[in-house]
Protein backbone atom coordinates (compact mmCIF):
# COMPACT_ATOMS: atom_id res chain seq x y z
CA MET A 1 93.10 133.40 115.44
CA ALA A 2 92.25 131.33 113.15
CA SER A 3 95.58 130.22 112.38
CA LYS A 4 95.87 129.05 115.71
CA ILE A 5 92.85 127.42 116.03
CA VAL A 6 93.77 124.95 113.15
CA PRO A 7 96.47 123.54 114.51
CA ILE A 8 94.69 122.91 117.96
CA VAL A 9 91.77 121.28 116.06
CA LEU A 10 94.32 119.00 114.51
CA LEU A 11 95.90 118.05 117.26
CA PHE A 12 92.92 116.99 119.31
CA ALA A 13 92.25 114.92 116.27
CA MET A 14 95.68 113.26 116.32
CA THR A 15 94.86 112.83 119.95
CA LEU A 16 91.64 111.14 120.07
CA ALA A 17 92.48 109.05 117.27
CA LEU A 18 95.77 107.86 119.02
CA THR A 19 93.81 107.46 122.20
CA THR A 20 91.23 105.49 120.35
CA ALA A 21 93.69 103.08 119.34
CA ALA A 22 95.90 103.02 121.94
CA SER A 23 91.86 101.64 124.09
CA ALA A 24 91.46 99.19 121.84
CA THR A 25 91.30 95.44 123.28
CA CYS A 26 90.54 92.71 121.41
CA SER A 27 91.14 88.52 121.86
CA ASN A 28 90.10 85.41 120.49
CA ALA A 29 86.31 86.32 121.84
CA THR A 30 86.25 89.41 119.61
CA PHE A 31 86.42 87.09 116.12
CA THR A 32 83.54 84.84 117.01
CA GLY A 33 80.36 84.24 114.61
CA THR A 34 80.10 83.45 110.92
CA TYR A 35 82.13 85.68 108.35
CA GLY A 36 82.55 85.46 104.72
CA ILE A 37 86.35 85.57 103.45
CA THR A 38 87.60 86.61 100.06
CA PHE A 39 91.58 86.36 99.09
CA GLY A 40 94.09 85.59 96.34
CA GLY A 41 96.85 86.67 95.04
CA ILE A 42 100.15 83.92 93.93
CA ASP A 43 100.72 80.92 95.59
CA SER A 44 104.33 79.11 95.61
CA HIS A 45 104.07 77.17 92.26
CA GLY A 46 103.55 80.49 90.62
CA ARG A 47 99.21 79.90 90.15
CA LEU A 48 97.21 82.66 90.27
CA ARG A 49 94.52 82.07 92.97
CA ALA A 50 91.18 83.73 93.95
CA ALA A 51 88.86 82.20 96.63
CA VAL A 52 85.58 82.93 98.75
CA ALA A 53 85.05 81.57 101.95
CA GLN A 54 82.75 80.90 104.79
CA ILE A 55 83.55 80.50 108.12
CA THR A 56 82.15 79.99 111.51
CA ALA A 57 84.74 81.12 114.67
CA ASP A 58 84.25 79.64 117.84
CA GLY A 59 85.45 82.50 120.00
CA LYS A 60 88.39 80.26 121.61
CA GLY A 61 90.59 80.19 118.78
CA LYS A 62 89.27 77.40 116.38
CA PHE A 63 86.72 77.98 113.37
CA THR A 64 85.68 75.17 110.41
CA GLY A 65 83.59 76.38 107.45
CA VAL A 66 83.73 75.92 103.42
CA VAL A 67 85.95 77.63 100.87
CA SER A 68 85.55 77.87 96.79
CA GLU A 69 88.35 78.72 94.70
CA SER A 70 90.11 78.83 91.58
CA LYS A 71 94.39 77.86 91.07
CA GLY A 72 95.69 78.47 88.25
CA GLY A 73 91.80 78.16 86.60
CA VAL A 74 90.91 74.99 88.16
CA ILE A 75 88.17 75.31 90.43
CA SER A 76 87.31 73.76 93.38
CA SER A 77 83.72 74.32 95.59
CA ASP A 78 82.62 74.03 98.76
CA VAL A 79 85.92 72.40 100.18
CA PRO A 80 85.66 71.54 103.85
CA VAL A 81 88.55 74.37 105.88
CA THR A 82 89.47 74.25 109.16
CA GLY A 83 91.74 76.65 111.31
CA THR A 84 93.01 78.44 114.50
CA TYR A 85 93.70 81.83 115.59
CA ALA A 86 94.89 83.96 118.15
CA ILE A 87 94.71 87.43 118.87
CA LYS A 88 96.00 90.17 120.91
CA ALA A 89 94.61 92.45 122.78
CA THR A 90 96.12 94.87 120.40
CA CYS A 91 93.73 92.99 117.66
CA ILE A 92 96.71 92.10 116.02
CA GLY A 93 97.05 88.47 115.71
CA SER A 94 97.97 84.78 113.66
CA GLY A 95 96.37 82.13 112.39
CA THR A 96 96.66 78.74 110.41
CA TRP A 97 94.16 77.47 107.80
CA LEU A 98 93.86 73.97 106.75
CA GLU A 99 92.16 72.89 103.81
CA GLN A 100 91.33 69.13 102.83
CA ALA A 101 94.13 67.45 101.40
CA GLN A 102 96.20 70.48 101.67
CA LYS A 103 99.59 71.72 103.14
CA LEU A 104 98.73 74.13 106.56
CA ARG A 105 98.87 77.90 105.79
CA HIS A 106 99.46 80.28 108.03
CA TYR A 107 98.53 83.91 108.41
CA ASN A 108 99.42 87.43 110.20
CA LEU A 109 95.50 88.88 110.87
CA VAL A 110 94.49 92.44 112.12
CA LEU A 111 90.90 92.66 113.66
CA VAL A 112 89.19 96.12 113.17
CA SER A 113 85.65 97.57 113.53
CA GLY A 114 85.23 95.74 116.79
CA GLY A 115 85.76 92.34 115.23
CA ALA A 116 83.48 93.18 112.23
CA SER A 117 86.13 92.71 110.07
CA MET A 118 89.69 91.16 108.99
CA GLU A 119 92.50 91.87 107.35
CA MET A 120 94.66 88.87 106.71
CA VAL A 121 98.15 88.27 104.35
CA GLN A 122 99.65 84.57 103.78
CA THR A 123 103.36 84.28 105.74
CA ASP A 124 104.38 81.01 103.80
CA ALA A 125 107.70 81.54 102.08
CA GLY A 126 106.95 81.86 98.09
CA HIS A 127 103.05 83.10 98.57
CA THR A 128 102.15 86.26 97.94
CA GLU A 129 98.37 86.29 98.63
CA SER A 130 96.20 88.70 101.10
CA GLY A 131 92.49 89.09 102.03
CA PHE A 132 89.55 90.01 104.45
CA ALA A 133 87.19 88.74 106.47
CA GLN A 134 83.58 90.53 106.92
CA ALA A 135 80.88 89.62 109.55
CA GLN A 136 77.85 87.74 108.40
CA GLY A 137 75.70 90.25 110.65
CA LYS A 138 72.33 89.90 111.09
CA ALA A 139 71.46 88.54 107.77
CA THR A 140 68.31 87.36 106.30
CA CYS A 141 69.24 84.76 104.10
CA THR A 142 66.86 83.94 101.35
CA THR A 143 66.58 84.44 97.62
CA ALA A 144 63.50 86.76 98.49
CA ALA A 145 64.98 88.57 101.41
CA VAL A 146 68.48 89.44 99.24
CA HIS A 147 67.35 91.77 96.87
CA GLY A 148 67.78 95.60 95.41
CA THR A 149 70.43 97.50 93.64
CA PHE A 150 73.93 96.45 94.01
CA GLY A 151 77.00 98.15 92.69
CA PHE A 152 79.75 95.25 91.84
CA HIS A 153 83.44 95.11 90.89
CA ALA A 154 85.83 92.14 89.98
CA THR A 155 89.13 91.38 89.03
CA GLY A 156 91.45 88.52 88.22
CA SER A 157 92.81 86.65 84.83
CA TYR A 158 91.37 84.25 82.01
CA VAL A 159 93.76 81.32 81.16
CA GLY A 160 94.67 82.18 78.06
CA VAL A 161 93.50 85.52 77.60
CA GLY A 162 94.88 87.78 80.38
CA PRO A 163 93.99 90.01 83.49
CA ALA A 164 90.11 91.11 83.66
CA ALA A 165 88.79 94.02 85.84
CA VAL A 166 84.98 95.03 85.61
CA ILE A 167 82.36 96.97 87.32
CA GLY A 168 78.55 97.37 87.02
CA GLN A 169 75.77 97.52 88.52
CA LEU A 170 73.14 94.51 89.06
CA ILE A 171 69.57 94.42 90.02
CA LEU A 172 68.48 91.51 92.35
CA ASP A 173 64.71 91.17 92.11
CA GLY A 174 64.07 88.80 95.09
CA SER A 175 62.71 86.28 92.86
CA GLY A 176 65.62 84.79 91.72
CA ASN A 177 66.27 87.28 88.57
CA ILE A 178 69.17 89.76 87.92
CA ALA A 179 69.40 92.54 85.47
CA GLY A 180 71.75 95.03 84.96
CA GLN A 181 74.96 96.14 83.04
CA GLU A 182 78.70 95.88 83.31
CA SER A 183 81.54 97.77 81.49
CA GLY A 184 85.47 96.83 81.99
CA SER A 185 88.33 95.33 80.40
CA VAL A 186 89.90 92.06 79.48
CA ASN A 187 92.83 91.89 78.36
CA GLY A 188 93.17 95.56 77.09
CA THR A 189 89.92 94.98 75.09
CA ILE A 190 87.48 97.40 76.89
CA PHE A 191 83.63 97.41 76.75
CA SER A 192 80.69 99.21 78.28
CA GLY A 193 77.16 99.30 79.11
CA VAL A 194 77.16 95.63 78.50
CA LEU A 195 73.59 94.60 79.35
CA ILE A 196 73.29 91.50 81.62
CA LEU A 197 70.22 89.23 82.62
CA GLY A 198 70.93 86.38 84.82
CA GLY A 199 69.48 84.34 87.85
CA TYR A 200 70.67 83.99 91.54
CA THR A 201 69.61 81.53 94.62
CA ILE A 202 70.32 82.32 98.39
CA ASN A 203 70.40 79.30 100.75
CA SER A 204 69.75 79.71 104.67
CA ASP A 205 73.29 79.67 105.55
CA CYS A 206 73.81 82.80 103.68
CA THR A 207 75.80 80.81 100.49
CA GLY A 208 74.20 80.67 97.13
CA THR A 209 75.31 80.74 93.50
CA ALA A 210 74.65 83.25 90.53
CA LYS A 211 74.93 82.78 87.06
CA LEU A 212 74.87 86.25 84.26
CA ASN A 213 74.83 85.96 80.73
CA PRO A 214 76.43 89.52 79.56
CA ALA A 215 75.13 89.83 76.00
CA GLY A 216 77.85 89.03 73.35
CA GLN A 217 79.95 87.42 76.09
CA SER A 218 80.33 83.58 77.81
CA ALA A 219 78.03 83.23 80.95
CA VAL A 220 79.67 83.69 84.56
CA ASN A 221 78.87 81.33 87.25
CA LEU A 222 79.26 82.52 90.76
CA ASN A 223 79.39 80.87 94.22
CA LEU A 224 78.18 84.10 96.57
CA VAL A 225 78.64 84.41 100.40
CA VAL A 226 76.14 87.02 101.89
CA VAL A 227 77.82 89.41 104.50
CA ASP A 228 77.02 92.52 106.17
CA GLY A 229 73.62 91.89 107.48
CA GLY A 230 72.80 91.24 103.57
CA SER A 231 74.10 94.44 102.28
CA LYS A 232 77.27 92.88 100.56
CA VAL A 233 77.48 89.45 99.12
CA LEU A 234 81.56 88.21 98.25
CA ALA A 235 81.46 86.40 94.81
CA VAL A 236 84.05 83.80 93.26
CA GLN A 237 83.97 82.72 89.76
CA THR A 238 83.45 79.07 89.04
CA ASP A 239 83.84 78.40 85.25
CA THR A 240 87.09 76.53 84.23
CA GLY A 241 90.12 78.46 83.30
CA SER A 242 88.74 81.85 85.52
CA ILE A 243 90.66 83.28 88.30
CA VAL A 244 88.11 85.85 89.15
CA SER A 245 86.48 87.27 92.74
CA GLY A 246 84.91 90.30 93.62
CA SER A 247 81.56 91.64 95.78
CA MET A 248 78.54 93.37 95.33
CA GLU A 249 77.40 95.82 97.51
CA LYS A 250 74.11 98.18 98.27
């Protein structure tokens, strides 16, 4: 009897999943409000790229915002960006992205979680870049409101050094102070349990900055975007020579 029940349960689960996917109905209106975005990869010039942005979508196919990014270790912060998007009923779509004094970029998009997040990949020849967007949600954005214990990860590279991958835990005290520890690898050199002290500021628009001081290592400066109701923070490093981004989450 058990051997017959298992296939029936699996068939039911598959049917339910297919029915749910088929019933998903999206439009431009599904993607509306303020979002944090993180993306990166390699551009058409062979430069590593890491970026974090905040945009506001109007639900009618247009958005505005700002982006902070590193292109091959050259940092730019809070650069104005505009763009367009067109979302089909299937929740698949396309969009454009235009930074100040830059070429127009094109993306294919997939909305998920009812528009709360979005996957994206660049479709311009020569680029290998992807990322995702996460809705800001009902976040209260002040230094005092964004507090608690966060796990974090970051990946990328340092010019003249090599690739980097880091995880850790940070405690934000609500008064602008950070304490924690990190473990990771920079160009194959491993470190573990390194203590961190630092500080952070969160602005009313849900952007912010942070400075981390790992023991025995160089200081790390970050631009931040708060998303997911304040439970997650996207980050990009803003020190010259770094191409590193990541996130921290409660």
